[in-house]
Amino acid sequence: MLRMMGRCLMFILLSAVVILITADRVNVRLVGGHSRCAGRVEVLHRGQWGTVCDVAWDLADAAMVCKELDCGEPVDVLGNAHFGQGSGPIWMNFVRCVGSESTLKDCVSGGWEQSYCDHAKDAGVICSEVRLVGGSRCSGRLEILYDQSWMSVCDAVFDQQDAEVVCRELES
């Protein structure tokens, strides 16, 4: 029992170190939503947070944000400042992600701060906070994001109805 607790403590400590190391490299965040995986899209550029214009904002762009934040798949792509209007610069517009990029900042766009939008057109996204691991896009071990960590779902009472809910959530 003590050996198992020691391993768990070591895992928790290593996880905390990884979170601290990667926190310095955050280039995108979601603001104003119900969790860290939903909200207005904001990008860090030149040391300042700014928003993204919703013109041409689509599922591929939202998928890049969800992927970068490790938040599962996009559930909803929102515009018209659904999560409230941001402030400061509008860094990106006409964003065009194809899926091979590492970050939202790597996606093609209309150029930095070359936006003709105002904050009434701020882009938003809701990510699923659910993912399938070790299979394909439609099969695998079910994990949910809980308290900043991905955790497996126990199958003890998981039934067909639960599976249908997960499938609907992952549809896109």
N, C-alpha and C. Protein backbone atom coordinates (compact mmCIF):
# COMPACT_ATOMS: atom_id res chain seq x y z
N MET A 1 0.83 -1.19 0.00
CA MET A 1 0.00 0.00 0.00
C MET A 1 0.87 1.26 0.00
N LEU A 2 1.91 1.27 0.85
CA LEU A 2 2.79 2.43 0.90
C LEU A 2 3.53 2.62 -0.41
N ARG A 3 3.93 1.51 -1.03
CA ARG A 3 4.63 1.59 -2.31
C ARG A 3 3.71 2.23 -3.36
N MET A 4 2.44 1.84 -3.38
CA MET A 4 1.49 2.40 -4.34
C MET A 4 1.27 3.89 -4.09
N MET A 5 1.15 4.26 -2.82
CA MET A 5 0.99 5.68 -2.50
C MET A 5 2.21 6.48 -2.92
N GLY A 6 3.38 5.90 -2.74
CA GLY A 6 4.62 6.56 -3.17
C GLY A 6 4.65 6.79 -4.67
N ARG A 7 4.21 5.78 -5.43
CA ARG A 7 4.16 5.92 -6.89
C ARG A 7 3.16 7.00 -7.30
N CYS A 8 2.00 7.01 -6.63
CA CYS A 8 0.99 8.03 -6.94
C CYS A 8 1.53 9.42 -6.63
N LEU A 9 2.18 9.58 -5.49
CA LEU A 9 2.74 10.87 -5.12
C LEU A 9 3.79 11.30 -6.13
N MET A 10 4.65 10.36 -6.57
CA MET A 10 5.67 10.68 -7.57
C MET A 10 5.01 11.12 -8.87
N PHE A 11 3.93 10.43 -9.28
CA PHE A 11 3.21 10.80 -10.50
C PHE A 11 2.63 12.20 -10.37
N ILE A 12 2.03 12.49 -9.23
CA ILE A 12 1.44 13.82 -9.00
C ILE A 12 2.53 14.88 -9.07
N LEU A 13 3.66 14.62 -8.42
CA LEU A 13 4.75 15.60 -8.46
C LEU A 13 5.27 15.80 -9.87
N LEU A 14 5.46 14.70 -10.62
CA LEU A 14 5.92 14.82 -12.00
C LEU A 14 4.90 15.55 -12.85
N SER A 15 3.62 15.28 -12.63
CA SER A 15 2.57 15.99 -13.36
C SER A 15 2.63 17.48 -13.07
N ALA A 16 2.84 17.84 -11.83
CA ALA A 16 2.92 19.25 -11.47
C ALA A 16 4.11 19.92 -12.14
N VAL A 17 5.23 19.21 -12.23
CA VAL A 17 6.41 19.76 -12.90
C VAL A 17 6.12 19.98 -14.37
N VAL A 18 5.48 19.01 -15.02
CA VAL A 18 5.14 19.14 -16.44
C VAL A 18 4.21 20.32 -16.64
N ILE A 19 3.21 20.48 -15.80
CA ILE A 19 2.28 21.61 -15.91
C ILE A 19 3.03 22.92 -15.76
N LEU A 20 3.94 23.01 -14.79
CA LEU A 20 4.69 24.24 -14.60
C LEU A 20 5.59 24.54 -15.79
N ILE A 21 6.23 23.52 -16.34
CA ILE A 21 7.11 23.72 -17.49
C ILE A 21 6.32 24.18 -18.71
N THR A 22 5.18 23.55 -18.97
CA THR A 22 4.41 23.90 -20.16
C THR A 22 3.62 25.18 -19.99
N ALA A 23 3.38 25.62 -18.77
CA ALA A 23 2.61 26.84 -18.56
C ALA A 23 3.28 28.05 -19.18
N ASP A 24 4.62 28.05 -19.25
CA ASP A 24 5.34 29.17 -19.84
C ASP A 24 5.16 29.25 -21.35
N ARG A 25 4.69 28.21 -21.96
CA ARG A 25 4.59 28.16 -23.41
C ARG A 25 3.16 28.32 -23.92
N VAL A 26 2.26 28.77 -23.10
CA VAL A 26 0.87 28.92 -23.50
C VAL A 26 0.74 30.12 -24.44
N ASN A 27 0.18 29.87 -25.62
CA ASN A 27 -0.01 30.92 -26.61
C ASN A 27 -1.47 31.24 -26.86
N VAL A 28 -2.35 30.42 -26.33
CA VAL A 28 -3.79 30.61 -26.55
C VAL A 28 -4.52 30.27 -25.25
N ARG A 29 -5.63 30.95 -25.04
CA ARG A 29 -6.45 30.66 -23.86
C ARG A 29 -7.91 30.95 -24.22
N LEU A 30 -8.80 30.39 -23.40
CA LEU A 30 -10.23 30.62 -23.56
C LEU A 30 -10.72 31.36 -22.32
N VAL A 31 -11.45 32.46 -22.54
CA VAL A 31 -11.84 33.35 -21.46
C VAL A 31 -13.37 33.52 -21.44
N GLY A 32 -13.94 33.53 -20.26
CA GLY A 32 -15.36 33.85 -20.11
C GLY A 32 -16.31 32.67 -20.19
N GLY A 33 -15.78 31.46 -20.33
CA GLY A 33 -16.63 30.27 -20.40
C GLY A 33 -16.77 29.61 -19.04
N HIS A 34 -17.42 28.45 -19.03
CA HIS A 34 -17.68 27.72 -17.80
C HIS A 34 -16.47 26.92 -17.31
N SER A 35 -15.45 26.77 -18.16
CA SER A 35 -14.23 26.04 -17.79
C SER A 35 -13.08 26.56 -18.63
N ARG A 36 -11.89 26.01 -18.42
CA ARG A 36 -10.73 26.43 -19.20
C ARG A 36 -10.84 25.96 -20.65
N CYS A 37 -11.82 25.12 -20.95
CA CYS A 37 -12.01 24.56 -22.30
C CYS A 37 -13.20 25.16 -23.03
N ALA A 38 -13.63 26.32 -22.60
CA ALA A 38 -14.73 27.02 -23.28
C ALA A 38 -14.55 28.51 -23.06
N GLY A 39 -14.75 29.28 -24.12
CA GLY A 39 -14.68 30.73 -23.95
C GLY A 39 -14.26 31.47 -25.20
N ARG A 40 -14.02 32.75 -25.01
CA ARG A 40 -13.52 33.62 -26.07
C ARG A 40 -12.07 33.27 -26.34
N VAL A 41 -11.69 33.16 -27.60
CA VAL A 41 -10.33 32.80 -27.96
C VAL A 41 -9.43 34.02 -27.84
N GLU A 42 -8.35 33.86 -27.07
CA GLU A 42 -7.36 34.91 -26.94
C GLU A 42 -5.98 34.33 -27.22
N VAL A 43 -5.16 35.13 -27.91
CA VAL A 43 -3.83 34.72 -28.34
C VAL A 43 -2.79 35.65 -27.73
N LEU A 44 -1.68 35.07 -27.26
CA LEU A 44 -0.58 35.86 -26.73
C LEU A 44 0.39 36.19 -27.86
N HIS A 45 0.60 37.48 -28.10
CA HIS A 45 1.51 37.93 -29.16
C HIS A 45 2.22 39.18 -28.66
N ARG A 46 3.54 39.20 -28.78
CA ARG A 46 4.36 40.32 -28.31
C ARG A 46 4.10 40.63 -26.83
N GLY A 47 3.87 39.58 -26.06
CA GLY A 47 3.66 39.74 -24.63
C GLY A 47 2.31 40.29 -24.22
N GLN A 48 1.37 40.37 -25.17
CA GLN A 48 0.05 40.92 -24.86
C GLN A 48 -1.04 39.98 -25.38
N TRP A 49 -2.07 39.78 -24.55
CA TRP A 49 -3.21 38.97 -24.96
C TRP A 49 -4.14 39.80 -25.83
N GLY A 50 -4.61 39.21 -26.91
CA GLY A 50 -5.59 39.84 -27.79
C GLY A 50 -6.55 38.79 -28.31
N THR A 51 -7.59 39.22 -28.98
CA THR A 51 -8.64 38.31 -29.42
C THR A 51 -8.45 37.90 -30.88
N VAL A 52 -9.37 37.05 -31.34
CA VAL A 52 -9.41 36.56 -32.71
C VAL A 52 -10.77 36.94 -33.29
N CYS A 53 -10.76 37.49 -34.50
CA CYS A 53 -12.00 37.88 -35.18
C CYS A 53 -12.72 36.63 -35.68
N ASP A 54 -14.05 36.64 -35.63
CA ASP A 54 -14.82 35.46 -36.03
C ASP A 54 -15.04 35.35 -37.55
N VAL A 55 -14.56 36.29 -38.35
CA VAL A 55 -14.72 36.20 -39.80
C VAL A 55 -13.93 35.00 -40.30
N ALA A 56 -14.61 34.08 -40.96
CA ALA A 56 -14.04 32.83 -41.48
C ALA A 56 -13.66 31.84 -40.36
N TRP A 57 -14.02 32.10 -39.13
CA TRP A 57 -13.73 31.21 -38.01
C TRP A 57 -14.58 29.96 -38.17
N ASP A 58 -13.95 28.77 -38.19
CA ASP A 58 -14.70 27.54 -38.45
C ASP A 58 -14.23 26.39 -37.57
N LEU A 59 -14.77 25.21 -37.84
CA LEU A 59 -14.49 24.03 -37.03
C LEU A 59 -13.01 23.65 -37.02
N ALA A 60 -12.33 23.78 -38.15
CA ALA A 60 -10.90 23.44 -38.20
C ALA A 60 -10.09 24.37 -37.30
N ASP A 61 -10.46 25.64 -37.27
CA ASP A 61 -9.77 26.60 -36.41
C ASP A 61 -10.03 26.29 -34.94
N ALA A 62 -11.30 26.01 -34.62
CA ALA A 62 -11.67 25.66 -33.25
C ALA A 62 -10.97 24.37 -32.81
N ALA A 63 -10.84 23.41 -33.73
CA ALA A 63 -10.16 22.15 -33.41
C ALA A 63 -8.70 22.39 -33.02
N MET A 64 -8.06 23.36 -33.68
CA MET A 64 -6.67 23.67 -33.35
C MET A 64 -6.58 24.22 -31.93
N VAL A 65 -7.52 25.08 -31.54
CA VAL A 65 -7.52 25.64 -30.20
C VAL A 65 -7.73 24.52 -29.16
N CYS A 66 -8.71 23.67 -29.41
CA CYS A 66 -8.98 22.56 -28.48
C CYS A 66 -7.76 21.64 -28.36
N LYS A 67 -7.12 21.36 -29.49
CA LYS A 67 -5.93 20.51 -29.49
C LYS A 67 -4.79 21.18 -28.73
N GLU A 68 -4.56 22.45 -28.98
CA GLU A 68 -3.47 23.16 -28.32
C GLU A 68 -3.67 23.21 -26.81
N LEU A 69 -4.91 23.32 -26.37
CA LEU A 69 -5.22 23.39 -24.94
C LEU A 69 -5.42 22.01 -24.31
N ASP A 70 -5.32 20.95 -25.12
CA ASP A 70 -5.54 19.59 -24.65
C ASP A 70 -6.93 19.46 -24.02
N CYS A 71 -7.94 19.89 -24.79
CA CYS A 71 -9.32 19.93 -24.30
C CYS A 71 -10.26 19.05 -25.09
N GLY A 72 -9.76 18.09 -25.83
CA GLY A 72 -10.64 17.23 -26.60
C GLY A 72 -10.99 17.84 -27.94
N GLU A 73 -12.19 17.54 -28.42
CA GLU A 73 -12.65 17.99 -29.73
C GLU A 73 -13.57 19.20 -29.59
N PRO A 74 -13.68 20.02 -30.64
CA PRO A 74 -14.61 21.14 -30.56
C PRO A 74 -16.06 20.66 -30.59
N VAL A 75 -16.87 21.23 -29.75
CA VAL A 75 -18.29 20.92 -29.70
C VAL A 75 -19.09 22.02 -30.38
N ASP A 76 -18.63 23.26 -30.21
CA ASP A 76 -19.34 24.39 -30.80
C ASP A 76 -18.34 25.47 -31.19
N VAL A 77 -18.59 26.08 -32.34
CA VAL A 77 -17.78 27.17 -32.87
C VAL A 77 -18.66 28.41 -32.80
N LEU A 78 -18.21 29.40 -32.05
CA LEU A 78 -19.07 30.55 -31.76
C LEU A 78 -18.43 31.86 -32.21
N GLY A 79 -19.27 32.82 -32.52
CA GLY A 79 -18.81 34.14 -32.91
C GLY A 79 -19.66 35.20 -32.24
N ASN A 80 -19.59 36.39 -32.79
CA ASN A 80 -20.37 37.52 -32.27
C ASN A 80 -20.20 37.70 -30.77
N ALA A 81 -18.97 37.54 -30.30
CA ALA A 81 -18.62 37.77 -28.88
C ALA A 81 -19.56 37.01 -27.94
N HIS A 82 -19.85 35.76 -28.27
CA HIS A 82 -20.73 34.92 -27.46
C HIS A 82 -20.32 34.90 -25.99
N PHE A 83 -19.01 34.91 -25.72
CA PHE A 83 -18.51 34.87 -24.35
C PHE A 83 -18.12 36.26 -23.84
N GLY A 84 -18.68 37.29 -24.45
CA GLY A 84 -18.37 38.66 -24.05
C GLY A 84 -17.27 39.24 -24.92
N GLN A 85 -17.24 40.54 -24.99
CA GLN A 85 -16.24 41.22 -25.79
C GLN A 85 -14.92 41.31 -25.04
N GLY A 86 -13.85 41.06 -25.78
CA GLY A 86 -12.52 41.20 -25.21
C GLY A 86 -12.09 42.65 -25.23
N SER A 87 -10.85 42.88 -24.87
CA SER A 87 -10.28 44.23 -24.93
C SER A 87 -8.88 44.11 -25.49
N GLY A 88 -8.30 45.23 -25.81
CA GLY A 88 -6.96 45.21 -26.37
C GLY A 88 -6.99 44.89 -27.85
N PRO A 89 -5.87 44.44 -28.38
CA PRO A 89 -5.79 44.21 -29.83
C PRO A 89 -6.62 43.01 -30.29
N ILE A 90 -7.04 43.06 -31.52
CA ILE A 90 -7.61 41.90 -32.20
C ILE A 90 -6.48 41.38 -33.07
N TRP A 91 -5.80 40.35 -32.59
CA TRP A 91 -4.56 39.91 -33.22
C TRP A 91 -4.77 39.21 -34.55
N MET A 92 -5.79 38.36 -34.65
CA MET A 92 -5.92 37.52 -35.84
C MET A 92 -7.32 37.63 -36.45
N ASN A 93 -7.37 37.53 -37.78
CA ASN A 93 -8.64 37.39 -38.48
C ASN A 93 -8.42 36.52 -39.71
N PHE A 94 -9.51 36.10 -40.33
CA PHE A 94 -9.44 35.20 -41.48
C PHE A 94 -8.49 34.03 -41.21
N VAL A 95 -8.63 33.43 -40.02
CA VAL A 95 -7.79 32.30 -39.62
C VAL A 95 -8.14 31.10 -40.49
N ARG A 96 -7.12 30.37 -40.93
CA ARG A 96 -7.29 29.19 -41.78
C ARG A 96 -6.36 28.09 -41.30
N CYS A 97 -6.84 27.22 -40.43
CA CYS A 97 -6.08 26.06 -39.97
C CYS A 97 -6.42 24.86 -40.84
N VAL A 98 -5.43 24.02 -41.10
CA VAL A 98 -5.68 22.80 -41.87
C VAL A 98 -5.51 21.55 -41.02
N GLY A 99 -4.99 21.70 -39.80
CA GLY A 99 -4.87 20.57 -38.89
C GLY A 99 -3.45 20.09 -38.66
N SER A 100 -2.53 20.49 -39.51
CA SER A 100 -1.14 20.04 -39.35
C SER A 100 -0.31 21.00 -38.50
N GLU A 101 -0.88 22.13 -38.14
CA GLU A 101 -0.16 23.12 -37.36
C GLU A 101 0.01 22.66 -35.91
N SER A 102 1.01 23.21 -35.24
CA SER A 102 1.24 22.90 -33.83
C SER A 102 0.44 23.82 -32.92
N THR A 103 0.25 25.05 -33.35
CA THR A 103 -0.47 26.04 -32.54
C THR A 103 -1.37 26.88 -33.45
N LEU A 104 -2.31 27.57 -32.85
CA LEU A 104 -3.17 28.47 -33.60
C LEU A 104 -2.35 29.54 -34.30
N LYS A 105 -1.28 29.98 -33.65
CA LYS A 105 -0.43 31.02 -34.24
C LYS A 105 0.26 30.56 -35.52
N ASP A 106 0.35 29.24 -35.74
CA ASP A 106 0.96 28.71 -36.96
C ASP A 106 -0.02 28.68 -38.13
N CYS A 107 -1.29 28.86 -37.85
CA CYS A 107 -2.30 28.83 -38.92
C CYS A 107 -2.18 30.09 -39.78
N VAL A 108 -2.56 29.96 -41.03
CA VAL A 108 -2.58 31.10 -41.92
C VAL A 108 -3.65 32.07 -41.43
N SER A 109 -3.37 33.35 -41.50
CA SER A 109 -4.37 34.35 -41.12
C SER A 109 -4.14 35.61 -41.95
N GLY A 110 -4.97 36.60 -41.72
CA GLY A 110 -4.86 37.87 -42.44
C GLY A 110 -3.71 38.72 -41.98
N GLY A 111 -2.88 38.24 -41.08
CA GLY A 111 -1.74 39.00 -40.56
C GLY A 111 -2.00 39.50 -39.16
N TRP A 112 -0.94 39.74 -38.44
CA TRP A 112 -1.05 40.19 -37.06
C TRP A 112 -1.57 41.62 -37.01
N GLU A 113 -2.61 41.79 -36.21
CA GLU A 113 -3.26 43.08 -35.98
C GLU A 113 -3.68 43.76 -37.29
N GLN A 114 -4.05 42.95 -38.27
CA GLN A 114 -4.55 43.46 -39.55
C GLN A 114 -6.04 43.22 -39.63
N SER A 115 -6.73 43.45 -38.54
CA SER A 115 -8.14 43.14 -38.47
C SER A 115 -9.00 44.37 -38.70
N TYR A 116 -10.07 44.15 -39.42
CA TYR A 116 -11.06 45.21 -39.62
C TYR A 116 -12.29 44.92 -38.77
N CYS A 117 -12.12 44.03 -37.82
CA CYS A 117 -13.20 43.66 -36.89
C CYS A 117 -13.19 44.59 -35.68
N ASP A 118 -14.25 44.49 -34.92
CA ASP A 118 -14.24 45.07 -33.58
C ASP A 118 -14.55 43.93 -32.62
N HIS A 119 -14.52 44.21 -31.35
CA HIS A 119 -14.68 43.14 -30.36
C HIS A 119 -16.08 42.53 -30.34
N ALA A 120 -17.03 43.12 -31.03
CA ALA A 120 -18.35 42.50 -31.16
C ALA A 120 -18.29 41.24 -32.01
N LYS A 121 -17.17 41.01 -32.71
CA LYS A 121 -16.98 39.84 -33.57
C LYS A 121 -15.93 38.88 -33.01
N ASP A 122 -15.68 38.91 -31.70
CA ASP A 122 -14.69 38.01 -31.11
C ASP A 122 -15.12 36.55 -31.25
N ALA A 123 -14.17 35.70 -31.61
CA ALA A 123 -14.42 34.27 -31.81
C ALA A 123 -14.40 33.52 -30.49
N GLY A 124 -15.17 32.43 -30.45
CA GLY A 124 -15.20 31.58 -29.27
C GLY A 124 -15.29 30.12 -29.65
N VAL A 125 -15.08 29.26 -28.67
CA VAL A 125 -15.15 27.82 -28.89
C VAL A 125 -15.54 27.12 -27.58
N ILE A 126 -16.24 26.02 -27.73
CA ILE A 126 -16.49 25.11 -26.61
C ILE A 126 -15.89 23.77 -27.00
N CYS A 127 -14.96 23.30 -26.20
CA CYS A 127 -14.32 22.00 -26.43
C CYS A 127 -15.00 20.94 -25.57
N SER A 128 -14.91 19.70 -25.99
CA SER A 128 -15.68 18.61 -25.37
C SER A 128 -15.23 18.22 -23.97
N GLU A 129 -13.96 18.35 -23.64
CA GLU A 129 -13.39 17.86 -22.40
C GLU A 129 -13.57 16.35 -22.28
N VAL A 130 -13.75 15.70 -23.43
CA VAL A 130 -13.89 14.24 -23.52
C VAL A 130 -13.04 13.79 -24.70
N ARG A 131 -12.36 12.64 -24.57
CA ARG A 131 -11.59 12.12 -25.69
C ARG A 131 -11.53 10.60 -25.64
N LEU A 132 -11.23 10.02 -26.80
CA LEU A 132 -11.03 8.58 -26.92
C LEU A 132 -9.54 8.35 -27.18
N VAL A 133 -8.95 7.41 -26.44
CA VAL A 133 -7.51 7.18 -26.51
C VAL A 133 -7.24 5.72 -26.89
N GLY A 134 -6.25 5.51 -27.72
CA GLY A 134 -5.80 4.16 -28.05
C GLY A 134 -6.64 3.45 -29.08
N GLY A 135 -7.42 4.18 -29.81
CA GLY A 135 -8.25 3.58 -30.85
C GLY A 135 -8.25 4.46 -32.08
N SER A 136 -9.41 4.82 -32.53
CA SER A 136 -9.55 5.72 -33.67
C SER A 136 -10.37 6.92 -33.22
N ARG A 137 -10.78 7.72 -34.17
CA ARG A 137 -11.58 8.89 -33.85
C ARG A 137 -12.92 8.50 -33.21
N CYS A 138 -13.38 7.28 -33.49
CA CYS A 138 -14.69 6.84 -33.01
C CYS A 138 -14.64 5.66 -32.04
N SER A 139 -13.47 5.27 -31.61
CA SER A 139 -13.37 4.16 -30.65
C SER A 139 -12.13 4.35 -29.79
N GLY A 140 -12.14 3.73 -28.64
CA GLY A 140 -10.99 3.81 -27.74
C GLY A 140 -11.42 3.91 -26.30
N ARG A 141 -10.42 4.06 -25.43
CA ARG A 141 -10.68 4.22 -24.00
C ARG A 141 -11.19 5.64 -23.76
N LEU A 142 -12.29 5.77 -23.07
CA LEU A 142 -12.91 7.07 -22.80
C LEU A 142 -12.20 7.76 -21.64
N GLU A 143 -11.80 9.01 -21.89
CA GLU A 143 -11.20 9.83 -20.84
C GLU A 143 -11.93 11.16 -20.77
N ILE A 144 -12.02 11.69 -19.56
CA ILE A 144 -12.61 13.02 -19.37
C ILE A 144 -11.57 13.90 -18.69
N LEU A 145 -11.67 15.19 -18.97
CA LEU A 145 -10.78 16.15 -18.34
C LEU A 145 -11.38 16.54 -17.00
N TYR A 146 -10.63 16.30 -15.95
CA TYR A 146 -11.09 16.62 -14.60
C TYR A 146 -9.95 17.27 -13.82
N ASP A 147 -10.16 18.47 -13.36
CA ASP A 147 -9.18 19.17 -12.55
C ASP A 147 -7.80 19.19 -13.23
N GLN A 148 -7.79 19.56 -14.50
CA GLN A 148 -6.58 19.73 -15.30
C GLN A 148 -5.88 18.42 -15.69
N SER A 149 -6.50 17.27 -15.43
CA SER A 149 -5.89 15.98 -15.78
C SER A 149 -6.89 15.11 -16.53
N TRP A 150 -6.39 14.33 -17.48
CA TRP A 150 -7.23 13.36 -18.20
C TRP A 150 -7.34 12.10 -17.36
N MET A 151 -8.58 11.62 -17.15
CA MET A 151 -8.82 10.44 -16.33
C MET A 151 -9.72 9.47 -17.09
N SER A 152 -9.43 8.17 -16.96
CA SER A 152 -10.25 7.15 -17.59
C SER A 152 -11.59 7.04 -16.89
N VAL A 153 -12.61 6.70 -17.67
CA VAL A 153 -13.96 6.51 -17.13
C VAL A 153 -14.14 5.03 -16.81
N CYS A 154 -14.59 4.74 -15.61
CA CYS A 154 -14.83 3.37 -15.19
C CYS A 154 -16.06 2.81 -15.92
N ASP A 155 -15.98 1.57 -16.34
CA ASP A 155 -17.08 0.98 -17.11
C ASP A 155 -18.12 0.26 -16.24
N ALA A 156 -18.03 0.38 -14.93
CA ALA A 156 -18.91 -0.38 -14.04
C ALA A 156 -20.39 -0.15 -14.32
N VAL A 157 -20.79 1.08 -14.57
CA VAL A 157 -22.19 1.36 -14.84
C VAL A 157 -22.37 2.07 -16.18
N PHE A 158 -21.35 2.03 -17.00
CA PHE A 158 -21.39 2.67 -18.32
C PHE A 158 -22.21 1.80 -19.26
N ASP A 159 -23.24 2.39 -19.89
CA ASP A 159 -24.12 1.58 -20.73
C ASP A 159 -24.28 2.21 -22.12
N GLN A 160 -25.15 1.64 -22.92
CA GLN A 160 -25.39 2.09 -24.29
C GLN A 160 -25.81 3.57 -24.33
N GLN A 161 -26.67 3.96 -23.42
CA GLN A 161 -27.13 5.35 -23.39
C GLN A 161 -25.96 6.30 -23.13
N ASP A 162 -25.06 5.93 -22.22
CA ASP A 162 -23.88 6.74 -21.94
C ASP A 162 -23.00 6.84 -23.19
N ALA A 163 -22.82 5.72 -23.87
CA ALA A 163 -22.01 5.69 -25.09
C ALA A 163 -22.60 6.61 -26.16
N GLU A 164 -23.92 6.61 -26.29
CA GLU A 164 -24.57 7.47 -27.28
C GLU A 164 -24.35 8.95 -26.97
N VAL A 165 -24.37 9.30 -25.70
CA VAL A 165 -24.11 10.68 -25.30
C VAL A 165 -22.68 11.08 -25.69
N VAL A 166 -21.72 10.22 -25.40
CA VAL A 166 -20.33 10.50 -25.75
C VAL A 166 -20.18 10.65 -27.28
N CYS A 167 -20.78 9.75 -28.03
CA CYS A 167 -20.70 9.82 -29.50
C CYS A 167 -21.28 11.13 -30.02
N ARG A 168 -22.41 11.54 -29.48
CA ARG A 168 -23.01 12.81 -29.91
C ARG A 168 -22.08 13.98 -29.59
N GLU A 169 -21.46 13.92 -28.42
CA GLU A 169 -20.56 15.01 -28.01
C GLU A 169 -19.33 15.07 -28.91
N LEU A 170 -18.86 13.92 -29.39
CA LEU A 170 -17.65 13.90 -30.21
C LEU A 170 -17.93 14.07 -31.69
N GLU A 171 -19.23 14.11 -32.08
CA GLU A 171 -19.56 14.33 -33.49
C GLU A 171 -19.08 15.69 -33.93
N SER A 172 -18.54 15.74 -35.13
CA SER A 172 -18.21 17.02 -35.73
C SER A 172 -17.99 16.84 -37.20
